[in-house]
Amino acid sequence: MDATKLIDLLGGTTKVAEICDVTPGAVSQWKNNGIPKPWLRFFESQHPEVFNLPELKDTPPYTETTQEAA
């Protein structure tokens, strides 16, 4: 699953930053470094419909590239 696509589908960098109470810069880093697993689980629990979209299903499993939160 592509982090950039997921962030865009969730409303974009600014919206995701507001949801997570982090800076937009932190969310931008997720696009390159992977979304931390706890946030990925949170998004999936709150927005399961997004994880079933064809845009995300045709990409490799996201968990292979995610990093643990620091």
N, C-alpha and C. Protein backbone atom coordinates (compact mmCIF):
# COMPACT_ATOMS: atom_id res chain seq x y z
N MET A 1 0.85 -1.17 0.00
CA MET A 1 0.00 0.00 0.00
C MET A 1 0.89 1.23 0.00
N ASP A 2 0.59 2.15 -0.84
CA ASP A 2 1.38 3.36 -1.01
C ASP A 2 0.98 4.40 0.04
N ALA A 3 1.94 4.87 0.85
CA ALA A 3 1.66 5.82 1.91
C ALA A 3 1.09 7.12 1.36
N THR A 4 1.62 7.60 0.25
CA THR A 4 1.14 8.85 -0.34
C THR A 4 -0.32 8.71 -0.76
N LYS A 5 -0.66 7.60 -1.40
CA LYS A 5 -2.06 7.39 -1.79
C LYS A 5 -2.97 7.34 -0.58
N LEU A 6 -2.53 6.63 0.46
CA LEU A 6 -3.35 6.52 1.66
C LEU A 6 -3.57 7.88 2.30
N ILE A 7 -2.52 8.66 2.44
CA ILE A 7 -2.64 9.99 3.04
C ILE A 7 -3.58 10.86 2.21
N ASP A 8 -3.45 10.80 0.90
CA ASP A 8 -4.35 11.56 0.02
C ASP A 8 -5.80 11.12 0.20
N LEU A 9 -6.03 9.82 0.28
CA LEU A 9 -7.39 9.31 0.44
C LEU A 9 -7.99 9.67 1.79
N LEU A 10 -7.15 9.88 2.78
CA LEU A 10 -7.62 10.27 4.11
C LEU A 10 -7.84 11.77 4.23
N GLY A 11 -7.55 12.52 3.18
CA GLY A 11 -7.81 13.96 3.19
C GLY A 11 -6.60 14.83 2.96
N GLY A 12 -5.44 14.23 2.81
CA GLY A 12 -4.24 15.01 2.54
C GLY A 12 -3.37 15.20 3.76
N THR A 13 -2.21 15.76 3.52
CA THR A 13 -1.20 15.92 4.57
C THR A 13 -1.71 16.73 5.75
N THR A 14 -2.32 17.88 5.49
CA THR A 14 -2.78 18.75 6.57
C THR A 14 -3.87 18.08 7.39
N LYS A 15 -4.83 17.45 6.73
CA LYS A 15 -5.93 16.78 7.43
C LYS A 15 -5.42 15.64 8.30
N VAL A 16 -4.53 14.82 7.76
CA VAL A 16 -3.97 13.71 8.53
C VAL A 16 -3.17 14.24 9.71
N ALA A 17 -2.43 15.32 9.52
CA ALA A 17 -1.68 15.92 10.62
C ALA A 17 -2.61 16.39 11.73
N GLU A 18 -3.73 16.98 11.36
CA GLU A 18 -4.71 17.42 12.36
C GLU A 18 -5.30 16.23 13.11
N ILE A 19 -5.64 15.18 12.39
CA ILE A 19 -6.21 13.98 13.01
C ILE A 19 -5.24 13.39 14.03
N CYS A 20 -3.96 13.37 13.68
CA CYS A 20 -2.94 12.72 14.51
C CYS A 20 -2.29 13.67 15.52
N ASP A 21 -2.61 14.95 15.44
CA ASP A 21 -2.01 15.96 16.30
C ASP A 21 -0.48 15.96 16.16
N VAL A 22 -0.05 15.94 14.91
CA VAL A 22 1.37 16.05 14.57
C VAL A 22 1.52 17.14 13.53
N THR A 23 2.73 17.50 13.20
CA THR A 23 2.95 18.54 12.20
C THR A 23 2.77 17.98 10.79
N PRO A 24 2.40 18.84 9.85
CA PRO A 24 2.34 18.39 8.46
C PRO A 24 3.69 17.85 7.98
N GLY A 25 4.78 18.39 8.51
CA GLY A 25 6.10 17.89 8.14
C GLY A 25 6.29 16.43 8.54
N ALA A 26 5.76 16.06 9.70
CA ALA A 26 5.86 14.66 10.14
C ALA A 26 5.11 13.75 9.18
N VAL A 27 3.91 14.18 8.77
CA VAL A 27 3.12 13.38 7.83
C VAL A 27 3.83 13.29 6.48
N SER A 28 4.45 14.37 6.06
CA SER A 28 5.20 14.34 4.80
C SER A 28 6.33 13.32 4.86
N GLN A 29 6.98 13.20 6.01
CA GLN A 29 8.04 12.20 6.16
C GLN A 29 7.48 10.79 6.05
N TRP A 30 6.24 10.58 6.49
CA TRP A 30 5.62 9.26 6.39
C TRP A 30 5.53 8.82 4.94
N LYS A 31 5.38 9.79 4.03
CA LYS A 31 5.27 9.44 2.61
C LYS A 31 6.54 8.77 2.11
N ASN A 32 7.68 9.12 2.67
CA ASN A 32 8.95 8.53 2.27
C ASN A 32 9.39 7.38 3.17
N ASN A 33 9.11 7.51 4.47
CA ASN A 33 9.63 6.55 5.44
C ASN A 33 8.62 5.49 5.87
N GLY A 34 7.37 5.66 5.48
CA GLY A 34 6.32 4.74 5.89
C GLY A 34 5.54 5.28 7.08
N ILE A 35 4.28 4.97 7.12
CA ILE A 35 3.42 5.38 8.22
C ILE A 35 3.70 4.46 9.40
N PRO A 36 3.94 5.01 10.59
CA PRO A 36 4.17 4.15 11.75
C PRO A 36 3.00 3.19 11.97
N LYS A 37 3.32 1.96 12.33
CA LYS A 37 2.29 0.92 12.46
C LYS A 37 1.13 1.31 13.37
N PRO A 38 1.38 1.96 14.53
CA PRO A 38 0.23 2.33 15.36
C PRO A 38 -0.75 3.26 14.63
N TRP A 39 -0.22 4.20 13.86
CA TRP A 39 -1.10 5.10 13.11
C TRP A 39 -1.81 4.36 11.98
N LEU A 40 -1.11 3.45 11.35
CA LEU A 40 -1.72 2.66 10.29
C LEU A 40 -2.90 1.85 10.84
N ARG A 41 -2.72 1.24 12.00
CA ARG A 41 -3.81 0.49 12.64
C ARG A 41 -4.97 1.42 12.99
N PHE A 42 -4.64 2.61 13.49
CA PHE A 42 -5.68 3.58 13.83
C PHE A 42 -6.49 3.95 12.59
N PHE A 43 -5.82 4.28 11.50
CA PHE A 43 -6.52 4.66 10.27
C PHE A 43 -7.40 3.52 9.78
N GLU A 44 -6.89 2.31 9.85
CA GLU A 44 -7.67 1.16 9.38
C GLU A 44 -8.90 0.94 10.25
N SER A 45 -8.78 1.16 11.56
CA SER A 45 -9.93 0.98 12.45
C SER A 45 -10.97 2.09 12.27
N GLN A 46 -10.51 3.30 11.97
CA GLN A 46 -11.42 4.43 11.83
C GLN A 46 -11.97 4.60 10.42
N HIS A 47 -11.26 4.11 9.43
CA HIS A 47 -11.65 4.28 8.03
C HIS A 47 -11.46 2.99 7.24
N PRO A 48 -12.13 1.91 7.64
CA PRO A 48 -11.92 0.63 6.94
C PRO A 48 -12.30 0.69 5.47
N GLU A 49 -13.23 1.58 5.13
CA GLU A 49 -13.66 1.69 3.74
C GLU A 49 -12.51 2.13 2.83
N VAL A 50 -11.60 2.93 3.33
CA VAL A 50 -10.48 3.40 2.53
C VAL A 50 -9.54 2.24 2.19
N PHE A 51 -9.38 1.32 3.13
CA PHE A 51 -8.45 0.21 2.94
C PHE A 51 -8.98 -0.83 1.95
N ASN A 52 -10.25 -0.72 1.58
CA ASN A 52 -10.84 -1.64 0.61
C ASN A 52 -10.94 -1.05 -0.79
N LEU A 53 -10.45 0.17 -0.97
CA LEU A 53 -10.53 0.82 -2.28
C LEU A 53 -9.55 0.18 -3.26
N PRO A 54 -9.94 0.10 -4.53
CA PRO A 54 -9.06 -0.49 -5.54
C PRO A 54 -7.71 0.23 -5.66
N GLU A 55 -7.69 1.54 -5.38
CA GLU A 55 -6.44 2.30 -5.48
C GLU A 55 -5.37 1.76 -4.54
N LEU A 56 -5.79 1.18 -3.42
CA LEU A 56 -4.82 0.66 -2.47
C LEU A 56 -4.63 -0.84 -2.59
N LYS A 57 -5.63 -1.52 -3.13
CA LYS A 57 -5.54 -2.98 -3.24
C LYS A 57 -4.54 -3.43 -4.29
N ASP A 58 -4.25 -2.58 -5.27
CA ASP A 58 -3.35 -3.00 -6.34
C ASP A 58 -1.88 -2.71 -6.03
N THR A 59 -1.59 -2.32 -4.80
CA THR A 59 -0.21 -2.06 -4.40
C THR A 59 0.24 -3.14 -3.42
N PRO A 60 1.55 -3.33 -3.26
CA PRO A 60 2.04 -4.36 -2.34
C PRO A 60 1.59 -4.11 -0.91
N PRO A 61 1.57 -5.12 -0.07
CA PRO A 61 1.16 -4.94 1.33
C PRO A 61 1.98 -3.85 1.99
N TYR A 62 1.30 -2.96 2.67
CA TYR A 62 1.97 -1.81 3.25
C TYR A 62 2.84 -2.17 4.44
N THR A 63 2.44 -3.19 5.19
CA THR A 63 3.16 -3.52 6.41
C THR A 63 4.61 -3.90 6.16
N GLU A 64 4.96 -4.27 4.94
CA GLU A 64 6.34 -4.61 4.63
C GLU A 64 7.26 -3.41 4.71
N THR A 65 6.73 -2.21 4.55
CA THR A 65 7.58 -1.03 4.52
C THR A 65 7.34 -0.10 5.70
N THR A 66 6.42 -0.43 6.58
CA THR A 66 6.15 0.47 7.69
C THR A 66 7.25 0.37 8.73
N GLN A 67 7.37 1.44 9.49
CA GLN A 67 8.35 1.47 10.56
C GLN A 67 7.62 1.64 11.87
N GLU A 68 8.19 1.12 12.93
CA GLU A 68 7.62 1.32 14.25
C GLU A 68 7.78 2.78 14.65
N ALA A 69 6.83 3.28 15.42
CA ALA A 69 6.93 4.66 15.91
C ALA A 69 8.10 4.77 16.87
N ALA A 70 8.75 5.92 16.84
CA ALA A 70 9.91 6.12 17.71
C ALA A 70 9.48 6.43 19.12
